[in-house]
């Protein structure tokens, strides 16, 4: 029955979604732009290279579609193959023709938790740390792990986006986020349950990215 369920979703993707779906990647450092989503499909999220959608008839599955010309599809398939089954990660159930069918993870991203003033318990951070260590033991390199790529569900942590886990370049985003969590969020923001507007979060995100580029140029001048 599970296989038949997926086969029906694959058919719906080809017949209902792809013919009218419009996606564009304007800047590889910013989320893709989704111009049109055919009904009854709904947009669930956007990354720098792909968009994630779901169909109301298949609430426990999502479809991830890569923007034209953007890399990473085959790499992401390999990452899921290595991860296998783990409670903090999704699973890839189908991958072909530029889209993946994944087990849906329910929850709220830490980015949205900040916007909504939701308290983020330490267990969420511990769960994500444990999941990333599991990935390392599977020969992967957790990369680009930030507030939009991790979620909280019933007080537990989940890792949503693993598409860059084959990238061996050192990435400090998760460690930087943890420092902000323990040094800023826990003592100051969490007790107040402040709701941070999205435009403020976006300014922080862009400022952080700018500072990281400056540090990279300073530490690796020949690469820049």
N, C-alpha and C. Protein backbone atom coordinates (compact mmCIF):
# COMPACT_ATOMS: atom_id res chain seq x y z
N UNK A 1 0.83 -1.20 0.00
CA UNK A 1 0.00 0.00 0.00
C UNK A 1 0.87 1.26 0.00
N UNK A 2 2.01 1.20 0.77
CA UNK A 2 2.88 2.37 0.82
C UNK A 2 3.47 2.66 -0.55
N UNK A 3 3.89 1.59 -1.27
CA UNK A 3 4.44 1.79 -2.60
C UNK A 3 3.41 2.33 -3.57
N UNK A 4 2.18 1.85 -3.46
CA UNK A 4 1.10 2.34 -4.31
C UNK A 4 0.81 3.81 -4.02
N UNK A 5 0.88 4.18 -2.74
CA UNK A 5 0.68 5.57 -2.31
C UNK A 5 1.70 6.49 -2.99
N UNK A 6 2.96 6.07 -2.98
CA UNK A 6 4.03 6.87 -3.59
C UNK A 6 3.86 6.93 -5.10
N UNK A 7 3.48 5.81 -5.70
CA UNK A 7 3.28 5.79 -7.16
C UNK A 7 2.20 6.77 -7.59
N UNK A 8 1.15 6.87 -6.80
CA UNK A 8 0.08 7.81 -7.11
C UNK A 8 0.56 9.25 -6.99
N UNK A 9 1.40 9.49 -5.99
CA UNK A 9 1.96 10.83 -5.83
C UNK A 9 2.88 11.18 -6.99
N UNK A 10 3.69 10.23 -7.43
CA UNK A 10 4.58 10.45 -8.57
C UNK A 10 3.77 10.82 -9.81
N UNK A 11 2.67 10.10 -10.00
CA UNK A 11 1.79 10.39 -11.14
C UNK A 11 1.22 11.80 -11.04
N UNK A 12 0.83 12.19 -9.83
CA UNK A 12 0.28 13.53 -9.63
C UNK A 12 1.33 14.60 -9.90
N UNK A 13 2.58 14.35 -9.51
CA UNK A 13 3.67 15.30 -9.75
C UNK A 13 3.81 15.55 -11.25
N UNK A 14 3.83 14.47 -12.05
CA UNK A 14 4.03 14.59 -13.49
C UNK A 14 2.82 15.19 -14.20
N UNK A 15 1.63 14.86 -13.73
CA UNK A 15 0.43 15.29 -14.45
C UNK A 15 -0.12 16.63 -13.97
N UNK A 16 -0.01 16.92 -12.66
CA UNK A 16 -0.63 18.10 -12.11
C UNK A 16 0.34 19.21 -11.70
N UNK A 17 1.50 18.80 -11.18
CA UNK A 17 2.41 19.80 -10.62
C UNK A 17 3.40 20.35 -11.64
N UNK A 18 4.20 19.49 -12.22
CA UNK A 18 5.29 19.96 -13.09
C UNK A 18 4.84 20.78 -14.30
N UNK A 19 3.73 20.43 -14.97
CA UNK A 19 3.35 21.22 -16.16
C UNK A 19 3.10 22.70 -15.87
N UNK A 20 2.62 23.03 -14.67
CA UNK A 20 2.32 24.43 -14.38
C UNK A 20 3.21 25.07 -13.34
N UNK A 21 4.16 24.31 -12.82
CA UNK A 21 5.03 24.82 -11.75
C UNK A 21 6.11 25.72 -12.33
N UNK A 22 6.33 26.88 -11.69
CA UNK A 22 7.33 27.82 -12.16
C UNK A 22 8.26 28.18 -11.00
N UNK A 23 9.54 27.88 -11.18
CA UNK A 23 10.54 28.14 -10.15
C UNK A 23 11.77 28.77 -10.79
N UNK A 24 12.39 29.72 -10.07
CA UNK A 24 13.55 30.43 -10.60
C UNK A 24 14.53 30.73 -9.47
N UNK A 25 15.80 30.51 -9.74
CA UNK A 25 16.85 30.85 -8.78
C UNK A 25 17.53 32.12 -9.26
N UNK A 26 17.24 33.23 -8.59
CA UNK A 26 17.78 34.52 -9.00
C UNK A 26 19.20 34.71 -8.48
N UNK A 27 19.43 34.35 -7.24
CA UNK A 27 20.73 34.48 -6.59
C UNK A 27 20.99 33.21 -5.78
N UNK A 28 22.12 32.52 -6.02
CA UNK A 28 22.39 31.27 -5.30
C UNK A 28 22.51 31.44 -3.79
N UNK A 29 22.65 32.68 -3.31
CA UNK A 29 22.75 32.94 -1.88
C UNK A 29 21.40 33.24 -1.24
N UNK A 30 20.35 33.34 -2.06
CA UNK A 30 19.02 33.64 -1.56
C UNK A 30 18.06 32.53 -1.96
N UNK A 31 16.94 32.39 -1.23
CA UNK A 31 15.95 31.37 -1.58
C UNK A 31 15.43 31.52 -3.01
N UNK A 32 15.09 30.41 -3.63
CA UNK A 32 14.55 30.43 -4.98
C UNK A 32 13.22 31.17 -4.99
N UNK A 33 12.85 31.67 -6.15
CA UNK A 33 11.57 32.34 -6.33
C UNK A 33 10.59 31.36 -6.99
N UNK A 34 9.44 31.15 -6.37
CA UNK A 34 8.40 30.29 -6.93
C UNK A 34 7.32 31.18 -7.52
N UNK A 35 7.18 31.12 -8.83
CA UNK A 35 6.26 32.03 -9.53
C UNK A 35 4.83 31.50 -9.59
N UNK A 36 4.68 30.18 -9.65
CA UNK A 36 3.32 29.63 -9.73
C UNK A 36 3.30 28.21 -9.20
N UNK A 37 2.26 27.90 -8.41
CA UNK A 37 2.04 26.55 -7.86
C UNK A 37 0.63 26.12 -8.24
N UNK A 38 0.49 25.08 -9.05
CA UNK A 38 -0.84 24.62 -9.44
C UNK A 38 -1.63 24.09 -8.24
N UNK A 39 -2.91 24.36 -8.19
CA UNK A 39 -3.77 23.83 -7.14
C UNK A 39 -4.01 22.35 -7.36
N UNK A 40 -4.16 21.55 -6.30
CA UNK A 40 -4.21 21.92 -4.88
C UNK A 40 -2.85 21.85 -4.18
N UNK A 41 -1.78 21.83 -4.96
CA UNK A 41 -0.44 21.77 -4.36
C UNK A 41 -0.18 23.03 -3.54
N UNK A 42 0.62 22.89 -2.49
CA UNK A 42 0.94 24.03 -1.63
C UNK A 42 2.44 24.10 -1.37
N UNK A 43 2.95 25.32 -1.38
CA UNK A 43 4.37 25.54 -1.13
C UNK A 43 4.64 25.44 0.37
N UNK A 44 5.61 24.61 0.72
CA UNK A 44 5.94 24.41 2.13
C UNK A 44 7.19 25.18 2.53
N UNK A 45 8.15 25.28 1.62
CA UNK A 45 9.39 25.99 1.95
C UNK A 45 10.26 26.21 0.73
N UNK A 46 11.23 27.12 0.87
CA UNK A 46 12.15 27.44 -0.23
C UNK A 46 13.57 27.45 0.30
N UNK A 47 14.47 26.82 -0.45
CA UNK A 47 15.89 26.88 -0.14
C UNK A 47 16.61 27.64 -1.24
N UNK A 48 17.93 27.66 -1.19
CA UNK A 48 18.69 28.40 -2.19
C UNK A 48 18.69 27.73 -3.56
N UNK A 49 18.43 26.43 -3.60
CA UNK A 49 18.47 25.71 -4.87
C UNK A 49 17.15 25.04 -5.24
N UNK A 50 16.26 24.86 -4.26
CA UNK A 50 15.06 24.07 -4.52
C UNK A 50 13.88 24.55 -3.67
N UNK A 51 12.69 24.07 -4.04
CA UNK A 51 11.47 24.36 -3.29
C UNK A 51 10.84 23.05 -2.83
N UNK A 52 10.14 23.11 -1.72
CA UNK A 52 9.49 21.93 -1.16
C UNK A 52 7.98 22.17 -1.15
N UNK A 53 7.23 21.19 -1.68
CA UNK A 53 5.78 21.31 -1.78
C UNK A 53 5.11 20.04 -1.25
N UNK A 54 3.80 20.16 -1.01
CA UNK A 54 3.06 18.97 -0.62
C UNK A 54 1.65 19.02 -1.21
N UNK A 55 1.05 17.85 -1.30
CA UNK A 55 -0.31 17.70 -1.79
C UNK A 55 -1.19 17.33 -0.61
N UNK A 56 -2.36 17.99 -0.44
CA UNK A 56 -3.23 17.72 0.71
C UNK A 56 -3.61 16.25 0.87
N UNK A 57 -3.63 15.49 -0.23
CA UNK A 57 -3.99 14.07 -0.15
C UNK A 57 -2.84 13.21 0.36
N UNK A 58 -1.63 13.80 0.45
CA UNK A 58 -0.45 13.05 0.90
C UNK A 58 0.26 13.86 1.99
N UNK A 59 -0.36 14.02 3.15
CA UNK A 59 0.16 14.93 4.18
C UNK A 59 1.47 14.51 4.82
N UNK A 60 1.87 13.24 4.67
CA UNK A 60 3.11 12.76 5.29
C UNK A 60 4.28 12.68 4.32
N UNK A 61 4.08 13.22 3.11
CA UNK A 61 5.13 13.22 2.10
C UNK A 61 5.31 14.62 1.53
N UNK A 62 6.51 14.93 1.09
CA UNK A 62 6.76 16.21 0.41
C UNK A 62 7.54 15.95 -0.87
N UNK A 63 7.46 16.90 -1.77
CA UNK A 63 8.19 16.83 -3.03
C UNK A 63 9.18 17.99 -3.07
N UNK A 64 10.42 17.70 -3.30
CA UNK A 64 11.45 18.73 -3.40
C UNK A 64 11.89 18.83 -4.85
N UNK A 65 11.73 20.03 -5.42
CA UNK A 65 12.05 20.26 -6.83
C UNK A 65 13.18 21.26 -6.94
N UNK A 66 14.22 20.89 -7.67
CA UNK A 66 15.36 21.78 -7.87
C UNK A 66 15.08 22.79 -8.98
N UNK A 67 15.57 23.99 -8.79
CA UNK A 67 15.44 25.02 -9.82
C UNK A 67 16.33 24.67 -11.01
N UNK A 68 15.92 25.03 -12.22
CA UNK A 68 16.73 24.74 -13.41
C UNK A 68 18.13 25.33 -13.29
N UNK A 69 19.12 24.54 -13.63
CA UNK A 69 20.50 25.01 -13.63
C UNK A 69 21.19 24.98 -12.29
N UNK A 70 20.48 24.58 -11.24
CA UNK A 70 21.10 24.54 -9.92
C UNK A 70 21.57 23.12 -9.61
N UNK A 71 22.78 22.99 -9.04
CA UNK A 71 23.33 21.67 -8.76
C UNK A 71 22.79 21.11 -7.45
N UNK A 72 23.17 19.86 -7.16
CA UNK A 72 22.90 19.29 -5.84
C UNK A 72 21.95 18.12 -5.79
N UNK A 73 21.24 17.86 -6.88
CA UNK A 73 20.24 16.79 -6.86
C UNK A 73 20.86 15.43 -6.55
N UNK A 74 21.85 15.05 -7.32
CA UNK A 74 22.46 13.72 -7.14
C UNK A 74 23.22 13.63 -5.82
N UNK A 75 23.81 14.76 -5.41
CA UNK A 75 24.51 14.78 -4.13
C UNK A 75 23.53 14.55 -2.97
N UNK A 76 22.36 15.17 -3.06
CA UNK A 76 21.38 15.00 -1.99
C UNK A 76 20.87 13.56 -1.92
N UNK A 77 20.68 12.95 -3.06
CA UNK A 77 20.27 11.54 -3.09
C UNK A 77 21.29 10.67 -2.37
N UNK A 78 22.57 10.95 -2.61
CA UNK A 78 23.63 10.18 -1.96
C UNK A 78 23.65 10.42 -0.45
N UNK A 79 23.40 11.65 -0.04
CA UNK A 79 23.36 11.95 1.40
C UNK A 79 22.28 11.13 2.08
N UNK A 80 21.09 11.10 1.50
CA UNK A 80 20.01 10.32 2.10
C UNK A 80 20.31 8.83 2.11
N UNK A 81 21.01 8.37 1.08
CA UNK A 81 21.39 6.95 1.06
C UNK A 81 22.28 6.62 2.25
N UNK A 82 23.22 7.51 2.55
CA UNK A 82 24.14 7.28 3.67
C UNK A 82 23.45 7.43 5.02
N UNK A 83 22.52 8.36 5.11
CA UNK A 83 21.85 8.61 6.39
C UNK A 83 20.96 7.44 6.81
N UNK A 84 20.32 6.80 5.84
CA UNK A 84 19.41 5.72 6.18
C UNK A 84 18.23 6.24 7.00
N UNK A 85 17.94 5.56 8.09
CA UNK A 85 16.80 5.94 8.93
C UNK A 85 17.27 6.50 10.26
N UNK A 86 16.86 7.72 10.57
CA UNK A 86 17.21 8.38 11.84
C UNK A 86 16.06 9.33 12.19
N UNK A 87 15.66 9.38 13.46
CA UNK A 87 14.48 10.18 13.83
C UNK A 87 14.61 11.68 13.59
N UNK A 88 15.83 12.20 13.50
CA UNK A 88 16.01 13.64 13.32
C UNK A 88 16.11 14.05 11.85
N UNK A 89 16.15 13.05 10.95
CA UNK A 89 16.27 13.35 9.52
C UNK A 89 15.07 12.79 8.76
N UNK A 90 14.83 13.36 7.59
CA UNK A 90 13.84 12.81 6.69
C UNK A 90 14.43 11.58 5.99
N UNK A 91 13.65 10.95 5.11
CA UNK A 91 14.13 9.84 4.30
C UNK A 91 13.70 10.06 2.86
N UNK A 92 14.56 9.68 1.95
CA UNK A 92 14.25 9.81 0.53
C UNK A 92 13.58 8.53 0.04
N UNK A 93 12.37 8.66 -0.49
CA UNK A 93 11.59 7.51 -0.94
C UNK A 93 11.58 7.37 -2.46
N UNK A 94 11.96 8.45 -3.15
CA UNK A 94 11.99 8.42 -4.61
C UNK A 94 12.82 9.60 -5.09
N UNK A 95 13.60 9.39 -6.14
CA UNK A 95 14.42 10.48 -6.69
C UNK A 95 14.63 10.26 -8.18
N UNK A 96 14.11 11.18 -8.97
CA UNK A 96 14.27 11.07 -10.42
C UNK A 96 13.74 12.35 -11.07
N UNK A 97 14.26 12.66 -12.26
CA UNK A 97 13.75 13.78 -13.07
C UNK A 97 13.81 15.12 -12.33
N UNK A 98 14.81 15.30 -11.48
CA UNK A 98 15.00 16.58 -10.81
C UNK A 98 14.15 16.81 -9.58
N UNK A 99 13.43 15.80 -9.12
CA UNK A 99 12.67 15.97 -7.89
C UNK A 99 12.80 14.74 -6.99
N UNK A 100 12.66 14.99 -5.69
CA UNK A 100 12.72 13.93 -4.70
C UNK A 100 11.40 13.87 -3.94
N UNK A 101 11.01 12.67 -3.54
CA UNK A 101 9.89 12.50 -2.63
C UNK A 101 10.46 12.10 -1.28
N UNK A 102 10.16 12.91 -0.28
CA UNK A 102 10.75 12.73 1.05
C UNK A 102 9.66 12.54 2.10
N UNK A 103 10.03 11.84 3.15
CA UNK A 103 9.15 11.76 4.31
C UNK A 103 9.05 13.15 4.93
N UNK A 104 7.84 13.59 5.20
CA UNK A 104 7.65 14.94 5.72
C UNK A 104 7.99 15.03 7.21
N UNK A 105 8.76 16.06 7.54
CA UNK A 105 9.05 16.36 8.93
C UNK A 105 8.16 17.52 9.36
N UNK A 106 7.44 17.34 10.43
CA UNK A 106 6.56 18.39 10.93
C UNK A 106 7.27 19.18 12.02
N UNK A 107 6.99 20.46 12.08
CA UNK A 107 7.59 21.30 13.11
C UNK A 107 7.69 22.75 12.68
N UNK A 108 8.41 23.53 13.47
CA UNK A 108 8.62 24.95 13.21
C UNK A 108 10.13 25.21 13.15
N UNK A 109 10.59 25.88 12.11
CA UNK A 109 12.01 26.18 12.03
C UNK A 109 12.41 27.10 13.19
N UNK A 110 13.67 27.03 13.58
CA UNK A 110 14.13 27.91 14.66
C UNK A 110 14.03 29.37 14.24
N UNK A 111 14.18 29.62 12.96
CA UNK A 111 13.99 30.97 12.41
C UNK A 111 12.58 31.47 12.70
N UNK A 112 11.58 30.61 12.44
CA UNK A 112 10.19 30.99 12.68
C UNK A 112 9.87 31.01 14.17
N UNK A 113 10.57 30.18 14.95
CA UNK A 113 10.38 30.22 16.41
C UNK A 113 10.73 31.61 16.94
N UNK A 114 11.81 32.18 16.41
CA UNK A 114 12.21 33.52 16.83
C UNK A 114 11.14 34.54 16.45
N UNK A 115 10.58 34.38 15.27
CA UNK A 115 9.55 35.31 14.81
C UNK A 115 8.28 35.21 15.66
N UNK A 116 7.93 33.99 16.05
CA UNK A 116 6.68 33.77 16.78
C UNK A 116 6.84 33.84 18.30
N UNK A 117 8.06 34.01 18.75
CA UNK A 117 8.29 34.10 20.18
C UNK A 117 8.14 32.78 20.91
N UNK A 118 8.39 31.67 20.20
CA UNK A 118 8.29 30.35 20.81
C UNK A 118 9.58 30.02 21.55
N UNK A 119 9.45 29.48 22.72
CA UNK A 119 10.63 29.13 23.51
C UNK A 119 11.29 27.88 22.94
N UNK A 120 12.60 27.95 22.76
CA UNK A 120 13.38 26.84 22.21
C UNK A 120 14.15 26.18 23.34
N UNK A 121 13.75 24.98 23.78
CA UNK A 121 14.45 24.32 24.89
C UNK A 121 15.82 23.80 24.47
N UNK A 122 16.68 23.58 25.47
CA UNK A 122 18.03 23.09 25.18
C UNK A 122 18.03 21.71 24.53
N UNK A 123 16.98 20.93 24.80
CA UNK A 123 16.92 19.59 24.21
C UNK A 123 16.92 19.65 22.69
N UNK A 124 16.33 20.69 22.12
CA UNK A 124 16.33 20.84 20.67
C UNK A 124 17.75 20.96 20.14
N UNK A 125 18.55 21.77 20.80
CA UNK A 125 19.95 21.95 20.40
C UNK A 125 20.73 20.65 20.57
N UNK A 126 20.49 19.96 21.67
CA UNK A 126 21.18 18.69 21.92
C UNK A 126 20.82 17.65 20.85
N UNK A 127 19.54 17.60 20.49
CA UNK A 127 19.10 16.64 19.46
C UNK A 127 19.79 16.90 18.13
N UNK A 128 19.88 18.16 17.76
CA UNK A 128 20.51 18.50 16.49
C UNK A 128 22.00 18.18 16.53
N UNK A 129 22.64 18.49 17.64
CA UNK A 129 24.05 18.13 17.81
C UNK A 129 24.26 16.63 17.62
N UNK A 130 23.40 15.85 18.26
CA UNK A 130 23.50 14.39 18.17
C UNK A 130 23.28 13.90 16.75
N UNK A 131 22.32 14.50 16.05
CA UNK A 131 22.04 14.11 14.67
C UNK A 131 23.21 14.42 13.75
N UNK A 132 23.84 15.56 13.96
CA UNK A 132 24.98 15.94 13.12
C UNK A 132 26.16 15.02 13.37
N UNK A 133 26.34 14.59 14.61
CA UNK A 133 27.41 13.65 14.92
C UNK A 133 27.13 12.29 14.26
N UNK A 134 25.89 11.89 14.26
CA UNK A 134 25.48 10.66 13.56
C UNK A 134 25.84 10.76 12.08
N UNK A 135 25.56 11.92 11.47
CA UNK A 135 25.86 12.11 10.05
C UNK A 135 27.37 12.01 9.80
N UNK A 136 28.16 12.56 10.70
CA UNK A 136 29.62 12.49 10.55
C UNK A 136 30.10 11.04 10.57
N UNK A 137 29.51 10.24 11.43
CA UNK A 137 29.89 8.83 11.52
C UNK A 137 29.51 8.07 10.27
N UNK A 138 28.59 8.62 9.49
CA UNK A 138 28.19 8.03 8.22
C UNK A 138 29.01 8.56 7.05
N UNK A 139 30.10 9.26 7.36
CA UNK A 139 30.97 9.79 6.32
C UNK A 139 30.49 11.08 5.69
N UNK A 140 29.61 11.80 6.37
CA UNK A 140 29.09 13.05 5.85
C UNK A 140 29.70 14.24 6.58
N UNK A 141 29.47 15.44 6.03
CA UNK A 141 30.06 16.66 6.58
C UNK A 141 28.95 17.70 6.73
N UNK A 142 28.30 17.74 7.89
CA UNK A 142 27.21 18.71 8.08
C UNK A 142 27.61 20.12 7.66
N UNK A 143 26.85 20.67 6.75
CA UNK A 143 27.20 21.95 6.13
C UNK A 143 25.93 22.77 5.94
N UNK A 144 26.05 24.08 6.11
CA UNK A 144 24.94 25.01 5.91
C UNK A 144 23.77 24.70 6.85
N UNK A 145 24.10 24.39 8.09
CA UNK A 145 23.07 24.12 9.10
C UNK A 145 22.80 25.43 9.85
N UNK A 146 21.64 26.02 9.57
CA UNK A 146 21.29 27.32 10.17
C UNK A 146 19.83 27.32 10.59
N UNK A 147 19.33 28.46 11.04
CA UNK A 147 18.00 28.54 11.63
C UNK A 147 16.86 28.15 10.72
N UNK A 148 17.03 28.26 9.43
CA UNK A 148 15.97 27.88 8.50
C UNK A 148 16.03 26.41 8.13
N UNK A 149 17.12 25.75 8.47
CA UNK A 149 17.31 24.36 8.09
C UNK A 149 17.14 23.37 9.24
N UNK A 150 16.80 23.87 10.41
CA UNK A 150 16.54 22.99 11.56
C UNK A 150 15.19 23.38 12.17
N UNK A 151 14.53 22.38 12.77
CA UNK A 151 13.18 22.61 13.27
C UNK A 151 13.01 22.09 14.69
N UNK A 152 11.93 22.53 15.30
CA UNK A 152 11.52 22.05 16.61
C UNK A 152 10.13 21.43 16.48
N UNK A 153 9.97 20.22 17.04
CA UNK A 153 8.68 19.56 17.03
C UNK A 153 8.48 18.85 18.37
N UNK A 154 7.50 19.30 19.12
CA UNK A 154 7.20 18.74 20.44
C UNK A 154 8.44 18.72 21.33
N UNK A 155 9.20 19.81 21.27
CA UNK A 155 10.37 19.96 22.13
C UNK A 155 11.60 19.20 21.70
N UNK A 156 11.58 18.63 20.50
CA UNK A 156 12.74 17.88 19.99
C UNK A 156 13.26 18.54 18.72
N UNK A 157 14.54 18.32 18.43
CA UNK A 157 15.19 18.95 17.29
C UNK A 157 15.23 18.07 16.06
N UNK A 158 15.06 18.69 14.90
CA UNK A 158 15.09 18.00 13.61
C UNK A 158 15.98 18.77 12.64
N UNK A 159 16.62 18.04 11.72
CA UNK A 159 17.44 18.65 10.68
C UNK A 159 16.69 18.51 9.36
N UNK A 160 16.34 19.62 8.75
CA UNK A 160 15.47 19.60 7.58
C UNK A 160 16.24 19.45 6.27
N UNK A 161 17.31 20.21 6.11
CA UNK A 161 18.02 20.28 4.83
C UNK A 161 19.41 19.65 4.96
N UNK A 162 19.64 18.59 4.20
CA UNK A 162 20.94 17.89 4.24
C UNK A 162 21.62 17.93 2.89
N UNK A 163 21.16 18.79 1.99
CA UNK A 163 21.62 18.77 0.61
C UNK A 163 23.11 19.06 0.45
N UNK A 164 23.72 19.76 1.42
CA UNK A 164 25.14 20.11 1.30
C UNK A 164 26.05 19.25 2.17
N UNK A 165 25.58 18.12 2.62
CA UNK A 165 26.34 17.30 3.57
C UNK A 165 27.50 16.54 2.94
N UNK A 166 27.71 16.67 1.63
CA UNK A 166 28.90 16.10 1.00
C UNK A 166 30.01 17.14 0.85
N UNK A 167 29.69 18.39 1.16
CA UNK A 167 30.66 19.48 1.05
C UNK A 167 31.65 19.39 2.21
N UNK A 168 32.92 19.16 1.89
CA UNK A 168 33.93 18.96 2.93
C UNK A 168 34.51 20.26 3.46
N UNK A 169 34.14 21.38 2.89
CA UNK A 169 34.63 22.67 3.38
C UNK A 169 34.11 22.93 4.79
N UNK A 170 34.97 23.46 5.63
CA UNK A 170 34.57 23.76 7.00
C UNK A 170 33.44 24.79 7.02
N UNK A 171 32.41 24.51 7.82
CA UNK A 171 31.27 25.41 7.92
C UNK A 171 30.97 25.64 9.40
N UNK A 172 30.94 26.90 9.80
CA UNK A 172 30.77 27.25 11.21
C UNK A 172 29.36 27.70 11.56
N UNK A 173 28.42 27.61 10.62
CA UNK A 173 27.10 28.19 10.85
C UNK A 173 26.40 27.60 12.07
N UNK A 174 26.44 26.28 12.23
CA UNK A 174 25.76 25.68 13.36
C UNK A 174 26.42 26.08 14.68
N UNK A 175 27.75 26.07 14.71
CA UNK A 175 28.45 26.49 15.92
C UNK A 175 28.17 27.95 16.25
N UNK A 176 28.08 28.78 15.23
CA UNK A 176 27.76 30.20 15.44
C UNK A 176 26.34 30.35 15.98
N UNK A 177 25.42 29.55 15.44
CA UNK A 177 24.04 29.62 15.92
C UNK A 177 23.96 29.17 17.38
N UNK A 178 24.71 28.13 17.73
CA UNK A 178 24.71 27.66 19.11
C UNK A 178 25.25 28.71 20.07
N UNK A 179 26.30 29.41 19.64
CA UNK A 179 26.84 30.49 20.49
C UNK A 179 25.79 31.57 20.72
N UNK A 180 25.10 31.94 19.65
CA UNK A 180 24.04 32.95 19.78
C UNK A 180 22.93 32.45 20.69
N UNK A 181 22.64 31.15 20.62
CA UNK A 181 21.59 30.57 21.45
C UNK A 181 21.95 30.67 22.93
N UNK A 182 23.17 30.27 23.28
CA UNK A 182 23.57 30.23 24.70
C UNK A 182 23.97 31.60 25.25
N UNK A 183 24.54 32.45 24.39
CA UNK A 183 25.04 33.74 24.88
C UNK A 183 23.98 34.85 24.80
N UNK A 184 23.08 34.77 23.83
CA UNK A 184 22.11 35.83 23.60
C UNK A 184 20.68 35.37 23.85
N UNK A 185 20.30 34.28 23.20
CA UNK A 185 18.91 33.86 23.27
C UNK A 185 18.51 33.40 24.67
N UNK A 186 19.27 32.48 25.26
CA UNK A 186 18.89 31.92 26.57
C UNK A 186 18.80 32.99 27.67
N UNK A 187 19.83 33.85 27.84
CA UNK A 187 19.77 34.80 28.95
C UNK A 187 18.89 36.02 28.69
N UNK A 188 18.70 36.40 27.42
CA UNK A 188 18.01 37.66 27.14
C UNK A 188 16.64 37.49 26.45
N UNK A 189 16.63 36.79 25.34
CA UNK A 189 15.41 36.73 24.53
C UNK A 189 14.39 35.72 25.03
N UNK A 190 14.86 34.55 25.44
CA UNK A 190 13.94 33.49 25.85
C UNK A 190 13.02 33.90 27.01
N UNK A 191 13.54 34.48 28.10
CA UNK A 191 12.64 34.85 29.21
C UNK A 191 11.56 35.85 28.81
N UNK A 192 11.88 36.72 27.84
CA UNK A 192 10.94 37.75 27.42
C UNK A 192 9.96 37.27 26.36
N UNK A 193 10.33 36.17 25.69
CA UNK A 193 9.52 35.63 24.59
C UNK A 193 9.20 36.70 23.56
N UNK A 194 10.23 37.43 23.20
CA UNK A 194 10.05 38.49 22.22
C UNK A 194 9.75 37.90 20.84
N UNK A 195 8.89 38.57 20.10
CA UNK A 195 8.61 38.19 18.73
C UNK A 195 9.43 39.09 17.82
N UNK A 196 10.37 38.50 17.11
CA UNK A 196 11.28 39.27 16.27
C UNK A 196 10.71 39.37 14.86
N UNK A 197 10.48 40.57 14.35
CA UNK A 197 9.94 40.73 12.99
C UNK A 197 10.85 40.08 11.95
N UNK A 198 10.24 39.62 10.87
CA UNK A 198 11.03 38.97 9.82
C UNK A 198 12.07 39.91 9.22
N UNK A 199 11.75 41.18 9.09
CA UNK A 199 12.72 42.09 8.47
C UNK A 199 13.96 42.23 9.35
N UNK A 200 13.78 42.14 10.68
CA UNK A 200 14.93 42.19 11.58
C UNK A 200 15.76 40.91 11.44
N UNK A 201 15.07 39.77 11.39
CA UNK A 201 15.78 38.50 11.21
C UNK A 201 16.54 38.48 9.89
N UNK A 202 15.95 39.06 8.86
CA UNK A 202 16.62 39.09 7.56
C UNK A 202 17.84 39.99 7.59
N UNK A 203 17.76 41.12 8.31
CA UNK A 203 18.92 42.00 8.46
C UNK A 203 20.04 41.26 9.18
N UNK A 204 19.69 40.53 10.22
CA UNK A 204 20.69 39.74 10.97
C UNK A 204 21.33 38.70 10.06
N UNK A 205 20.49 38.02 9.27
CA UNK A 205 20.99 36.98 8.37
C UNK A 205 21.96 37.56 7.34
N UNK A 206 21.59 38.69 6.74
CA UNK A 206 22.45 39.29 5.72
C UNK A 206 23.73 39.87 6.33
N UNK A 207 23.62 40.43 7.52
CA UNK A 207 24.79 40.97 8.20
C UNK A 207 25.76 39.87 8.56
N UNK A 208 25.22 38.76 9.04
CA UNK A 208 26.05 37.61 9.38
C UNK A 208 26.79 37.09 8.16
N UNK A 209 26.07 36.98 7.04
CA UNK A 209 26.69 36.51 5.80
C UNK A 209 27.80 37.45 5.34
N UNK A 210 27.55 38.76 5.48
CA UNK A 210 28.56 39.75 5.09
C UNK A 210 29.80 39.64 5.97
N UNK A 211 29.62 39.48 7.27
CA UNK A 211 30.76 39.36 8.18
C UNK A 211 31.55 38.09 7.92
N UNK A 212 30.85 37.00 7.61
CA UNK A 212 31.55 35.76 7.31
C UNK A 212 32.41 35.91 6.06
N UNK A 213 31.92 36.65 5.08
CA UNK A 213 32.72 36.88 3.87
C UNK A 213 33.96 37.71 4.18
N UNK A 214 33.81 38.71 5.04
CA UNK A 214 34.96 39.52 5.42
C UNK A 214 36.01 38.69 6.15
N UNK A 215 35.55 37.85 7.07
CA UNK A 215 36.47 36.99 7.82
C UNK A 215 37.17 36.02 6.88
N UNK A 216 36.40 35.46 5.93
CA UNK A 216 36.98 34.52 4.97
C UNK A 216 38.06 35.19 4.12
N UNK A 217 37.81 36.43 3.69
CA UNK A 217 38.80 37.15 2.89
C UNK A 217 40.05 37.46 3.69
N UNK A 218 39.84 37.73 4.97
CA UNK A 218 40.99 38.04 5.84
C UNK A 218 41.83 36.79 6.10
N UNK A 219 41.17 35.65 6.34
CA UNK A 219 41.88 34.43 6.67
C UNK A 219 42.42 33.72 5.44
N UNK A 220 41.73 33.89 4.29
CA UNK A 220 42.14 33.21 3.06
C UNK A 220 42.22 34.21 1.92
N UNK A 221 43.14 35.15 1.96
CA UNK A 221 43.20 36.21 0.94
C UNK A 221 43.44 35.68 -0.47
N UNK A 222 44.15 34.59 -0.60
CA UNK A 222 44.45 34.08 -1.94
C UNK A 222 43.23 33.48 -2.60
N UNK A 223 42.26 32.99 -1.79
CA UNK A 223 41.06 32.40 -2.34
C UNK A 223 40.06 33.45 -2.77
N UNK A 224 40.29 34.67 -2.38
CA UNK A 224 39.33 35.74 -2.69
C UNK A 224 39.98 36.79 -3.58
